[in-house]
Amino acid sequence: MSPEQEQTILDLRAQNHTPRQIAAALKLRVSEVRSVIATHGDGPIFTLATKGDLPPIYECLVDQTCADYLLDGHQPEDLPQSCLGLVAVARLKGMDRVSVCTYLVDYLCLGVKDTMKPQQCDRAQYPDFVRRFYGAFPAGYRAIALSEAQAIVFGAVDYAARLGFNPHPDFEQTLYHLGHWPGEPVLRFGYRDRPLYINGPYDDNRQVIKMLEINVGRNQFDYILGVG
């Protein structure tokens, strides 16, 4: 990509155009646009996520393994065997209802791999929702601050953009639920300052590795294949 194209991307971004709009206008891939913004832009790609006045936060959760790794900085000596964290953000809808969005995050490489659009339930039903969400996470979950939930989700998206990967297509329909993220706290993604790709059952492994070779360079990342 030429320096002129990069500057055009940054100029359009400064006018509050979305990466998808910029990509369509310039006939580029969205991942290319996000990579330029993440590398040369001022601050994270996704910070203006508000859509009017949002309902108050009821609770934010993340699975314990992700919390240990990202929020507490407990990175294992050996290569991790898991890369996925689940963030849930619940907002009050009136007195007795709760609206919940979830974000499945690959915090070592690919960013947001899946997201659930807002689901509403009675407050009495909410604990059952939570147990269902975190049933696949044996270490359990813990409550976190909204700023921490934002830092995990938006930070993972920004990190993945630098590697050339887009978030799940539905993310632009659920990111507003997180509210405005001022960019703090700043978390450490990847493993020991390098991307670590652990393949999932629906990944195109060759394409992911090719993208890492292009954007990071050979021998500048690690990967584990065959998991799952």
Foldseek 3Di string as FASTA:
>chain_A
DDPVLLVVLQVVVVVVDALVVSCVVVVHDSLVSLLSCLVPNDAFRDFAQADPDAAAWPFKKKFPVVCCCWVVVDADPDDDPDQWMKIKTWGDDPDFKIWIKMFIARQQEAATADIDHIDMDTPVCVVVVQCVVCVVRVRGMDTDDLLVSCQRRRVRQSRNSNLRHHHDPCCSVHSNNSPGHPRPDHIDGHHPNAREAEDDPPDPVVVSVVSNCVRPNPPRHHYDYDRD
